[in-house]
All heavy atoms as atom14 arrays in JSON, in Angstrom:
{
  "sequence": "KDMFVRVYDESTKSVIAEMAPGWGDVIGHGNRIFAVKWRDENTIISA",
  "atom14_mask": [
    [1, 1, 1, 1, 1, 1, 1, 1, 1, 0, 0, 0, 0, 0],
    [1, 1, 1, 1, 1, 1, 1, 1, 0, 0, 0, 0, 0, 0],
    [1, 1, 1, 1, 1, 1, 1, 1, 0, 0, 0, 0, 0, 0],
    [1, 1, 1, 1, 1, 1, 1, 1, 1, 1, 1, 0, 0, 0],
    [1, 1, 1, 1, 1, 1, 1, 0, 0, 0, 0, 0, 0, 0],
    [1, 1, 1, 1, 1, 1, 1, 1, 1, 1, 1, 0, 0, 0],
    [1, 1, 1, 1, 1, 1, 1, 0, 0, 0, 0, 0, 0, 0],
    [1, 1, 1, 1, 1, 1, 1, 1, 1, 1, 1, 1, 0, 0],
    [1, 1, 1, 1, 1, 1, 1, 1, 0, 0, 0, 0, 0, 0],
    [1, 1, 1, 1, 1, 1, 1, 1, 1, 0, 0, 0, 0, 0],
    [1, 1, 1, 1, 1, 1, 0, 0, 0, 0, 0, 0, 0, 0],
    [1, 1, 1, 1, 1, 1, 1, 0, 0, 0, 0, 0, 0, 0],
    [1, 1, 1, 1, 1, 1, 1, 1, 1, 0, 0, 0, 0, 0],
    [1, 1, 1, 1, 1, 1, 0, 0, 0, 0, 0, 0, 0, 0],
    [1, 1, 1, 1, 1, 1, 1, 0, 0, 0, 0, 0, 0, 0],
    [1, 1, 1, 1, 1, 1, 1, 1, 0, 0, 0, 0, 0, 0],
    [1, 1, 1, 1, 1, 0, 0, 0, 0, 0, 0, 0, 0, 0],
    [1, 1, 1, 1, 1, 1, 1, 1, 1, 0, 0, 0, 0, 0],
    [1, 1, 1, 1, 1, 1, 1, 1, 0, 0, 0, 0, 0, 0],
    [1, 1, 1, 1, 1, 0, 0, 0, 0, 0, 0, 0, 0, 0],
    [1, 1, 1, 1, 1, 1, 1, 0, 0, 0, 0, 0, 0, 0],
    [1, 1, 1, 1, 0, 0, 0, 0, 0, 0, 0, 0, 0, 0],
    [1, 1, 1, 1, 1, 1, 1, 1, 1, 1, 1, 1, 1, 1],
    [1, 1, 1, 1, 0, 0, 0, 0, 0, 0, 0, 0, 0, 0],
    [1, 1, 1, 1, 1, 1, 1, 1, 0, 0, 0, 0, 0, 0],
    [1, 1, 1, 1, 1, 1, 1, 0, 0, 0, 0, 0, 0, 0],
    [1, 1, 1, 1, 1, 1, 1, 1, 0, 0, 0, 0, 0, 0],
    [1, 1, 1, 1, 0, 0, 0, 0, 0, 0, 0, 0, 0, 0],
    [1, 1, 1, 1, 1, 1, 1, 1, 1, 1, 0, 0, 0, 0],
    [1, 1, 1, 1, 0, 0, 0, 0, 0, 0, 0, 0, 0, 0],
    [1, 1, 1, 1, 1, 1, 1, 1, 0, 0, 0, 0, 0, 0],
    [1, 1, 1, 1, 1, 1, 1, 1, 1, 1, 1, 0, 0, 0],
    [1, 1, 1, 1, 1, 1, 1, 1, 0, 0, 0, 0, 0, 0],
    [1, 1, 1, 1, 1, 1, 1, 1, 1, 1, 1, 0, 0, 0],
    [1, 1, 1, 1, 1, 0, 0, 0, 0, 0, 0, 0, 0, 0],
    [1, 1, 1, 1, 1, 1, 1, 0, 0, 0, 0, 0, 0, 0],
    [1, 1, 1, 1, 1, 1, 1, 1, 1, 0, 0, 0, 0, 0],
    [1, 1, 1, 1, 1, 1, 1, 1, 1, 1, 1, 1, 1, 1],
    [1, 1, 1, 1, 1, 1, 1, 1, 1, 1, 1, 0, 0, 0],
    [1, 1, 1, 1, 1, 1, 1, 1, 0, 0, 0, 0, 0, 0],
    [1, 1, 1, 1, 1, 1, 1, 1, 1, 0, 0, 0, 0, 0],
    [1, 1, 1, 1, 1, 1, 1, 1, 0, 0, 0, 0, 0, 0],
    [1, 1, 1, 1, 1, 1, 1, 0, 0, 0, 0, 0, 0, 0],
    [1, 1, 1, 1, 1, 1, 1, 1, 0, 0, 0, 0, 0, 0],
    [1, 1, 1, 1, 1, 1, 1, 1, 0, 0, 0, 0, 0, 0],
    [1, 1, 1, 1, 1, 1, 0, 0, 0, 0, 0, 0, 0, 0],
    [1, 1, 1, 1, 1, 0, 0, 0, 0, 0, 0, 0, 0, 0]
  ],
  "atom14_positions": [
    [[11.22, 14.45, -24.78], [10.04, 13.94, -25.44], [10.05, 12.41, -25.49], [8.99, 11.78, -25.43], [9.96, 14.51, -26.87], [8.81, 13.98, -27.71], [8.89, 14.52, -29.13], [7.83, 13.88, -30.02], [7.95, 14.37, -31.43], [0.0, 0.0, 0.0], [0.0, 0.0, 0.0], [0.0, 0.0, 0.0], [0.0, 0.0, 0.0], [0.0, 0.0, 0.0]],
    [[11.23, 11.82, -25.61], [11.32, 10.36, -25.72], [11.16, 9.64, -24.38], [11.38, 8.44, -24.27], [12.63, 9.93, -26.4], [13.87, 10.26, -25.56], [13.73, 10.79, -24.44], [14.99, 9.96, -26.03], [0.0, 0.0, 0.0], [0.0, 0.0, 0.0], [0.0, 0.0, 0.0], [0.0, 0.0, 0.0], [0.0, 0.0, 0.0], [0.0, 0.0, 0.0]],
    [[10.78, 10.39, -23.32], [10.43, 9.84, -22.01], [11.64, 9.42, -21.18], [11.5, 8.75, -20.16], [9.43, 8.68, -22.14], [8.15, 9.08, -22.85], [7.05, 7.69, -23.2], [7.9, 6.92, -24.59], [0.0, 0.0, 0.0], [0.0, 0.0, 0.0], [0.0, 0.0, 0.0], [0.0, 0.0, 0.0], [0.0, 0.0, 0.0], [0.0, 0.0, 0.0]],
    [[12.84, 9.8, -21.59], [14.06, 9.53, -20.83], [14.42, 10.74, -19.97], [14.27, 11.89, -20.39], [15.24, 9.25, -21.77], [15.35, 7.83, -22.22], [14.6, 7.37, -23.29], [16.23, 6.95, -21.59], [14.72, 6.06, -23.73], [16.36, 5.64, -22.02], [15.6, 5.19, -23.09], [0.0, 0.0, 0.0], [0.0, 0.0, 0.0], [0.0, 0.0, 0.0]],
    [[14.93, 10.46, -18.76], [15.65, 11.45, -17.97], [17.13, 11.12, -18.12], [17.55, 9.99, -17.85], [15.26, 11.4, -16.48], [16.15, 12.33, -15.66], [13.8, 11.79, -16.3], [0.0, 0.0, 0.0], [0.0, 0.0, 0.0], [0.0, 0.0, 0.0], [0.0, 0.0, 0.0], [0.0, 0.0, 0.0], [0.0, 0.0, 0.0], [0.0, 0.0, 0.0]],
    [[17.92, 12.1, -18.57], [19.35, 11.88, -18.79], [20.16, 12.77, -17.86], [19.83, 13.95, -17.7], [19.72, 12.14, -20.24], [19.1, 11.15, -21.22], [19.41, 11.49, -22.68], [18.95, 10.43, -23.58], [17.73, 10.39, -24.11], [16.87, 11.35, -23.85], [17.39, 9.39, -24.9], [0.0, 0.0, 0.0], [0.0, 0.0, 0.0], [0.0, 0.0, 0.0]],
    [[21.2, 12.22, -17.28], [22.07, 12.95, -16.39], [23.43, 13.12, -17.06], [24.01, 12.15, -17.56], [22.24, 12.22, -15.04], [23.17, 13.01, -14.12], [20.88, 12.01, -14.38], [0.0, 0.0, 0.0], [0.0, 0.0, 0.0], [0.0, 0.0, 0.0], [0.0, 0.0, 0.0], [0.0, 0.0, 0.0], [0.0, 0.0, 0.0], [0.0, 0.0, 0.0]],
    [[23.93, 14.37, -17.07], [25.19, 14.7, -17.72], [26.22, 15.15, -16.69], [25.88, 15.81, -15.7], [25.01, 15.83, -18.73], [24.28, 15.44, -19.99], [22.89, 15.35, -20.01], [24.97, 15.19, -21.18], [22.21, 15.01, -21.17], [24.3, 14.85, -22.33], [22.92, 14.75, -22.33], [22.26, 14.41, -23.48], [0.0, 0.0, 0.0], [0.0, 0.0, 0.0]],
    [[27.45, 14.8, -16.95], [28.57, 15.37, -16.2], [28.84, 16.76, -16.78], [29.04, 16.92, -17.98], [29.8, 14.47, -16.35], [30.98, 14.98, -15.55], [31.59, 15.99, -15.97], [31.32, 14.39, -14.52], [0.0, 0.0, 0.0], [0.0, 0.0, 0.0], [0.0, 0.0, 0.0], [0.0, 0.0, 0.0], [0.0, 0.0, 0.0], [0.0, 0.0, 0.0]],
    [[28.82, 17.78, -15.92], [28.97, 19.15, -16.4], [30.34, 19.4, -17.02], [30.47, 20.14, -18.0], [28.71, 20.14, -15.25], [29.05, 21.58, -15.55], [28.19, 22.2, -16.65], [27.14, 21.61, -17.0], [28.55, 23.27, -17.16], [0.0, 0.0, 0.0], [0.0, 0.0, 0.0], [0.0, 0.0, 0.0], [0.0, 0.0, 0.0], [0.0, 0.0, 0.0]],
    [[31.38, 18.79, -16.48], [32.73, 19.05, -16.99], [32.99, 18.42, -18.34], [33.65, 19.0, -19.19], [33.78, 18.59, -15.97], [33.67, 17.19, -15.75], [0.0, 0.0, 0.0], [0.0, 0.0, 0.0], [0.0, 0.0, 0.0], [0.0, 0.0, 0.0], [0.0, 0.0, 0.0], [0.0, 0.0, 0.0], [0.0, 0.0, 0.0], [0.0, 0.0, 0.0]],
    [[32.46, 17.22, -18.57], [32.71, 16.5, -19.83], [31.55, 16.6, -20.81], [31.71, 16.25, -21.98], [33.0, 15.02, -19.55], [31.82, 14.4, -19.0], [34.17, 14.86, -18.59], [0.0, 0.0, 0.0], [0.0, 0.0, 0.0], [0.0, 0.0, 0.0], [0.0, 0.0, 0.0], [0.0, 0.0, 0.0], [0.0, 0.0, 0.0], [0.0, 0.0, 0.0]],
    [[30.37, 17.02, -20.33], [29.14, 17.09, -21.13], [28.74, 15.72, -21.66], [28.05, 15.6, -22.68], [29.29, 18.07, -22.31], [29.8, 19.46, -21.93], [28.89, 20.17, -20.97], [29.29, 21.62, -20.75], [30.55, 21.79, -20.0], [0.0, 0.0, 0.0], [0.0, 0.0, 0.0], [0.0, 0.0, 0.0], [0.0, 0.0, 0.0], [0.0, 0.0, 0.0]],
    [[29.12, 14.65, -20.95], [28.78, 13.29, -21.37], [27.69, 12.72, -20.47], [27.59, 13.07, -19.29], [30.02, 12.39, -21.32], [30.56, 12.36, -20.01], [0.0, 0.0, 0.0], [0.0, 0.0, 0.0], [0.0, 0.0, 0.0], [0.0, 0.0, 0.0], [0.0, 0.0, 0.0], [0.0, 0.0, 0.0], [0.0, 0.0, 0.0], [0.0, 0.0, 0.0]],
    [[26.87, 11.81, -21.04], [25.81, 11.17, -20.27], [26.41, 10.17, -19.29], [27.2, 9.31, -19.67], [24.82, 10.46, -21.21], [23.76, 9.71, -20.41], [24.16, 11.45, -22.15], [0.0, 0.0, 0.0], [0.0, 0.0, 0.0], [0.0, 0.0, 0.0], [0.0, 0.0, 0.0], [0.0, 0.0, 0.0], [0.0, 0.0, 0.0], [0.0, 0.0, 0.0]],
    [[26.01, 10.29, -18.03], [26.5, 9.35, -17.02], [25.38, 8.47, -16.46], [25.65, 7.48, -15.77], [27.2, 10.07, -15.86], [26.25, 11.04, -15.16], [28.45, 10.79, -16.36], [26.8, 11.61, -13.87], [0.0, 0.0, 0.0], [0.0, 0.0, 0.0], [0.0, 0.0, 0.0], [0.0, 0.0, 0.0], [0.0, 0.0, 0.0], [0.0, 0.0, 0.0]],
    [[24.13, 8.81, -16.78], [23.0, 7.98, -16.34], [21.8, 8.25, -17.23], [21.58, 9.39, -17.66], [22.65, 8.26, -14.89], [0.0, 0.0, 0.0], [0.0, 0.0, 0.0], [0.0, 0.0, 0.0], [0.0, 0.0, 0.0], [0.0, 0.0, 0.0], [0.0, 0.0, 0.0], [0.0, 0.0, 0.0], [0.0, 0.0, 0.0], [0.0, 0.0, 0.0]],
    [[21.04, 7.21, -17.53], [19.8, 7.33, -18.27], [18.7, 6.6, -17.52], [18.85, 5.42, -17.19], [19.93, 6.75, -19.68], [20.69, 7.62, -20.65], [20.6, 7.1, -22.07], [20.65, 5.87, -22.26], [20.48, 7.92, -22.99], [0.0, 0.0, 0.0], [0.0, 0.0, 0.0], [0.0, 0.0, 0.0], [0.0, 0.0, 0.0], [0.0, 0.0, 0.0]],
    [[17.62, 7.3, -17.23], [16.46, 6.68, -16.61], [15.4, 6.47, -17.69], [14.89, 7.44, -18.27], [15.93, 7.54, -15.47], [16.63, 7.29, -14.15], [18.33, 7.89, -14.09], [18.08, 9.57, -13.59], [0.0, 0.0, 0.0], [0.0, 0.0, 0.0], [0.0, 0.0, 0.0], [0.0, 0.0, 0.0], [0.0, 0.0, 0.0], [0.0, 0.0, 0.0]],
    [[15.1, 5.2, -17.96], [14.33, 4.82, -19.14], [12.82, 4.93, -18.9], [12.35, 4.99, -17.76], [14.69, 3.4, -19.55], [0.0, 0.0, 0.0], [0.0, 0.0, 0.0], [0.0, 0.0, 0.0], [0.0, 0.0, 0.0], [0.0, 0.0, 0.0], [0.0, 0.0, 0.0], [0.0, 0.0, 0.0], [0.0, 0.0, 0.0], [0.0, 0.0, 0.0]],
    [[12.04, 4.95, -19.99], [10.58, 4.94, -19.86], [10.09, 3.69, -19.15], [10.79, 2.68, -19.07], [10.09, 4.98, -21.31], [11.24, 5.5, -22.1], [12.47, 5.04, -21.4], [0.0, 0.0, 0.0], [0.0, 0.0, 0.0], [0.0, 0.0, 0.0], [0.0, 0.0, 0.0], [0.0, 0.0, 0.0], [0.0, 0.0, 0.0], [0.0, 0.0, 0.0]],
    [[8.86, 3.76, -18.66], [8.27, 2.6, -17.98], [7.79, 1.55, -18.97], [7.44, 1.85, -20.11], [0.0, 0.0, 0.0], [0.0, 0.0, 0.0], [0.0, 0.0, 0.0], [0.0, 0.0, 0.0], [0.0, 0.0, 0.0], [0.0, 0.0, 0.0], [0.0, 0.0, 0.0], [0.0, 0.0, 0.0], [0.0, 0.0, 0.0], [0.0, 0.0, 0.0]],
    [[7.78, 0.32, -18.52], [7.22, -0.78, -19.31], [6.89, -1.93, -18.36], [7.64, -2.2, -17.42], [8.19, -1.26, -20.4], [9.56, -1.63, -19.9], [10.63, -0.82, -19.7], [10.0, -2.94, -19.51], [11.7, -1.51, -19.22], [11.34, -2.83, -19.09], [9.39, -4.2, -19.47], [12.08, -3.92, -18.64], [10.13, -5.29, -19.02], [11.46, -5.14, -18.62]],
    [[5.74, -2.57, -18.58], [5.34, -3.66, -17.7], [5.23, -3.2, -16.25], [4.56, -2.21, -15.94], [0.0, 0.0, 0.0], [0.0, 0.0, 0.0], [0.0, 0.0, 0.0], [0.0, 0.0, 0.0], [0.0, 0.0, 0.0], [0.0, 0.0, 0.0], [0.0, 0.0, 0.0], [0.0, 0.0, 0.0], [0.0, 0.0, 0.0], [0.0, 0.0, 0.0]],
    [[5.94, -3.9, -15.38], [5.94, -3.56, -13.96], [7.05, -2.59, -13.58], [7.2, -2.23, -12.41], [6.08, -4.84, -13.11], [4.88, -5.77, -13.26], [3.78, -5.24, -13.5], [5.05, -6.99, -13.13], [0.0, 0.0, 0.0], [0.0, 0.0, 0.0], [0.0, 0.0, 0.0], [0.0, 0.0, 0.0], [0.0, 0.0, 0.0], [0.0, 0.0, 0.0]],
    [[7.85, -2.15, -14.57], [8.95, -1.23, -14.29], [8.43, 0.2, -14.29], [7.81, 0.65, -15.26], [10.08, -1.39, -15.33], [11.19, -0.38, -15.08], [10.62, -2.82, -15.3], [0.0, 0.0, 0.0], [0.0, 0.0, 0.0], [0.0, 0.0, 0.0], [0.0, 0.0, 0.0], [0.0, 0.0, 0.0], [0.0, 0.0, 0.0], [0.0, 0.0, 0.0]],
    [[8.69, 0.94, -13.21], [8.22, 2.32, -13.1], [9.06, 3.22, -14.0], [10.29, 3.15, -14.01], [8.32, 2.81, -11.65], [7.45, 1.96, -10.73], [7.89, 4.27, -11.55], [7.63, 2.29, -9.26], [0.0, 0.0, 0.0], [0.0, 0.0, 0.0], [0.0, 0.0, 0.0], [0.0, 0.0, 0.0], [0.0, 0.0, 0.0], [0.0, 0.0, 0.0]],
    [[8.39, 4.08, -14.74], [9.06, 5.05, -15.6], [8.01, 5.88, -16.3], [6.8, 5.64, -16.18], [0.0, 0.0, 0.0], [0.0, 0.0, 0.0], [0.0, 0.0, 0.0], [0.0, 0.0, 0.0], [0.0, 0.0, 0.0], [0.0, 0.0, 0.0], [0.0, 0.0, 0.0], [0.0, 0.0, 0.0], [0.0, 0.0, 0.0], [0.0, 0.0, 0.0]],
    [[8.44, 6.88, -17.04], [7.49, 7.76, -17.7], [6.9, 7.11, -18.94], [7.55, 6.32, -19.63], [8.15, 9.08, -18.07], [8.29, 10.01, -16.89], [7.2, 10.55, -16.24], [9.39, 10.48, -16.24], [7.62, 11.31, -15.24], [8.94, 11.29, -15.22], [0.0, 0.0, 0.0], [0.0, 0.0, 0.0], [0.0, 0.0, 0.0], [0.0, 0.0, 0.0]],
    [[5.63, 7.51, -19.23], [4.95, 7.01, -20.41], [4.57, 8.11, -21.37], [3.8, 7.86, -22.31], [0.0, 0.0, 0.0], [0.0, 0.0, 0.0], [0.0, 0.0, 0.0], [0.0, 0.0, 0.0], [0.0, 0.0, 0.0], [0.0, 0.0, 0.0], [0.0, 0.0, 0.0], [0.0, 0.0, 0.0], [0.0, 0.0, 0.0], [0.0, 0.0, 0.0]],
    [[5.11, 9.3, -21.16], [4.84, 10.42, -22.06], [5.92, 11.49, -21.84], [6.84, 11.28, -21.05], [3.43, 10.99, -21.83], [2.8, 11.52, -23.12], [3.48, 12.16, -23.93], [1.51, 11.25, -23.31], [0.0, 0.0, 0.0], [0.0, 0.0, 0.0], [0.0, 0.0, 0.0], [0.0, 0.0, 0.0], [0.0, 0.0, 0.0], [0.0, 0.0, 0.0]],
    [[5.8, 12.62, -22.49], [6.82, 13.67, -22.43], [7.05, 14.16, -21.0], [6.12, 14.24, -20.2], [6.39, 14.85, -23.31], [6.16, 14.47, -24.75], [5.74, 15.68, -25.57], [5.3, 15.25, -26.9], [5.33, 16.01, -27.98], [5.78, 17.25, -27.9], [4.91, 15.55, -29.13], [0.0, 0.0, 0.0], [0.0, 0.0, 0.0], [0.0, 0.0, 0.0]],
    [[8.29, 14.52, -20.73], [8.69, 14.99, -19.4], [8.9, 16.5, -19.47], [9.72, 16.99, -20.24], [9.99, 14.29, -18.96], [9.8, 12.77, -18.96], [10.43, 14.78, -17.58], [11.11, 12.0, -18.86], [0.0, 0.0, 0.0], [0.0, 0.0, 0.0], [0.0, 0.0, 0.0], [0.0, 0.0, 0.0], [0.0, 0.0, 0.0], [0.0, 0.0, 0.0]],
    [[8.15, 17.24, -18.63], [8.19, 18.7, -18.68], [8.82, 19.34, -17.45], [9.0, 20.56, -17.42], [6.78, 19.26, -18.87], [6.33, 19.27, -20.3], [5.63, 18.21, -20.84], [6.64, 20.35, -21.13], [5.23, 18.23, -22.17], [6.24, 20.37, -22.45], [5.54, 19.3, -22.98], [0.0, 0.0, 0.0], [0.0, 0.0, 0.0], [0.0, 0.0, 0.0]],
    [[9.14, 18.55, -16.43], [9.77, 19.12, -15.23], [10.74, 18.1, -14.65], [10.42, 16.91, -14.56], [8.72, 19.51, -14.19], [0.0, 0.0, 0.0], [0.0, 0.0, 0.0], [0.0, 0.0, 0.0], [0.0, 0.0, 0.0], [0.0, 0.0, 0.0], [0.0, 0.0, 0.0], [0.0, 0.0, 0.0], [0.0, 0.0, 0.0], [0.0, 0.0, 0.0]],
    [[11.93, 18.58, -14.27], [12.92, 17.73, -13.62], [13.63, 18.56, -12.55], [13.98, 19.71, -12.78], [13.93, 17.14, -14.64], [14.68, 18.23, -15.37], [14.88, 16.17, -13.98], [0.0, 0.0, 0.0], [0.0, 0.0, 0.0], [0.0, 0.0, 0.0], [0.0, 0.0, 0.0], [0.0, 0.0, 0.0], [0.0, 0.0, 0.0], [0.0, 0.0, 0.0]],
    [[13.78, 17.97, -11.34], [14.4, 18.67, -10.22], [15.31, 17.71, -9.45], [14.94, 16.56, -9.2], [13.35, 19.22, -9.24], [12.37, 20.21, -9.82], [13.03, 21.53, -10.14], [12.02, 22.51, -10.74], [12.66, 23.77, -11.15], [0.0, 0.0, 0.0], [0.0, 0.0, 0.0], [0.0, 0.0, 0.0], [0.0, 0.0, 0.0], [0.0, 0.0, 0.0]],
    [[16.48, 18.21, -9.07], [17.34, 17.48, -8.16], [16.85, 17.7, -6.74], [16.69, 18.85, -6.3], [18.79, 17.96, -8.26], [19.49, 17.56, -9.52], [19.43, 18.2, -10.72], [20.37, 16.46, -9.7], [20.22, 17.56, -11.64], [20.82, 16.48, -11.04], [20.85, 15.45, -8.84], [21.69, 15.55, -11.55], [21.72, 14.51, -9.36], [22.14, 14.55, -10.7]],
    [[16.64, 16.61, -5.99], [16.33, 16.75, -4.57], [17.61, 16.74, -3.75], [17.78, 17.53, -2.82], [15.42, 15.62, -4.09], [14.98, 15.79, -2.65], [14.19, 14.64, -2.12], [13.71, 14.92, -0.78], [13.16, 14.03, 0.02], [12.99, 12.77, -0.41], [12.76, 14.36, 1.22], [0.0, 0.0, 0.0], [0.0, 0.0, 0.0], [0.0, 0.0, 0.0]],
    [[18.52, 15.84, -4.07], [19.85, 15.79, -3.48], [20.76, 15.11, -4.49], [20.34, 14.82, -5.61], [19.85, 15.06, -2.12], [19.25, 13.65, -2.21], [19.63, 12.9, -3.13], [18.42, 13.31, -1.36], [0.0, 0.0, 0.0], [0.0, 0.0, 0.0], [0.0, 0.0, 0.0], [0.0, 0.0, 0.0], [0.0, 0.0, 0.0], [0.0, 0.0, 0.0]],
    [[22.01, 14.84, -4.11], [22.98, 14.33, -5.08], [22.61, 12.95, -5.62], [23.1, 12.55, -6.69], [24.37, 14.26, -4.45], [24.45, 13.33, -3.25], [25.83, 13.31, -2.63], [26.72, 13.97, -3.18], [26.0, 12.63, -1.61], [0.0, 0.0, 0.0], [0.0, 0.0, 0.0], [0.0, 0.0, 0.0], [0.0, 0.0, 0.0], [0.0, 0.0, 0.0]],
    [[21.72, 12.22, -4.95], [21.35, 10.88, -5.38], [19.91, 10.76, -5.85], [19.49, 9.67, -6.25], [21.57, 9.88, -4.23], [23.02, 9.81, -3.8], [23.92, 9.77, -4.63], [23.24, 9.82, -2.49], [0.0, 0.0, 0.0], [0.0, 0.0, 0.0], [0.0, 0.0, 0.0], [0.0, 0.0, 0.0], [0.0, 0.0, 0.0], [0.0, 0.0, 0.0]],
    [[19.15, 11.86, -5.82], [17.72, 11.77, -6.11], [17.28, 12.86, -7.07], [17.56, 14.04, -6.87], [16.9, 11.89, -4.81], [17.41, 11.01, -3.82], [15.43, 11.58, -5.06], [0.0, 0.0, 0.0], [0.0, 0.0, 0.0], [0.0, 0.0, 0.0], [0.0, 0.0, 0.0], [0.0, 0.0, 0.0], [0.0, 0.0, 0.0], [0.0, 0.0, 0.0]],
    [[16.58, 12.43, -8.13], [15.98, 13.34, -9.1], [14.48, 13.06, -9.12], [14.05, 11.9, -9.04], [16.58, 13.14, -10.5], [18.02, 13.64, -10.55], [15.75, 13.84, -11.58], [18.74, 13.32, -11.84], [0.0, 0.0, 0.0], [0.0, 0.0, 0.0], [0.0, 0.0, 0.0], [0.0, 0.0, 0.0], [0.0, 0.0, 0.0], [0.0, 0.0, 0.0]],
    [[13.69, 14.13, -9.26], [12.24, 14.0, -9.37], [11.81, 14.58, -10.72], [12.27, 15.65, -11.11], [11.52, 14.71, -8.22], [12.0, 14.14, -6.88], [10.0, 14.57, -8.35], [11.43, 14.83, -5.67], [0.0, 0.0, 0.0], [0.0, 0.0, 0.0], [0.0, 0.0, 0.0], [0.0, 0.0, 0.0], [0.0, 0.0, 0.0], [0.0, 0.0, 0.0]],
    [[10.95, 13.85, -11.43], [10.51, 14.31, -12.74], [9.0, 14.1, -12.88], [8.39, 13.3, -12.18], [11.25, 13.57, -13.86], [11.02, 12.16, -13.78], [0.0, 0.0, 0.0], [0.0, 0.0, 0.0], [0.0, 0.0, 0.0], [0.0, 0.0, 0.0], [0.0, 0.0, 0.0], [0.0, 0.0, 0.0], [0.0, 0.0, 0.0], [0.0, 0.0, 0.0]],
    [[8.4, 14.86, -13.82], [6.96, 14.78, -14.04], [6.64, 15.28, -15.43], [7.44, 15.97, -16.06], [6.21, 15.6, -12.99], [0.0, 0.0, 0.0], [0.0, 0.0, 0.0], [0.0, 0.0, 0.0], [0.0, 0.0, 0.0], [0.0, 0.0, 0.0], [0.0, 0.0, 0.0], [0.0, 0.0, 0.0], [0.0, 0.0, 0.0], [0.0, 0.0, 0.0]]
  ]
}
């Protein structure tokens, strides 16, 4: 709901990456995120 995509390490259950909401010219979400998919080990798609 807070517009963040968070990536966790499965073994430690700790956050290893946070993709923040958008602001200004920075691309990011501006509302709740209802879908997230891994495309490959380096790419996540959210909407």
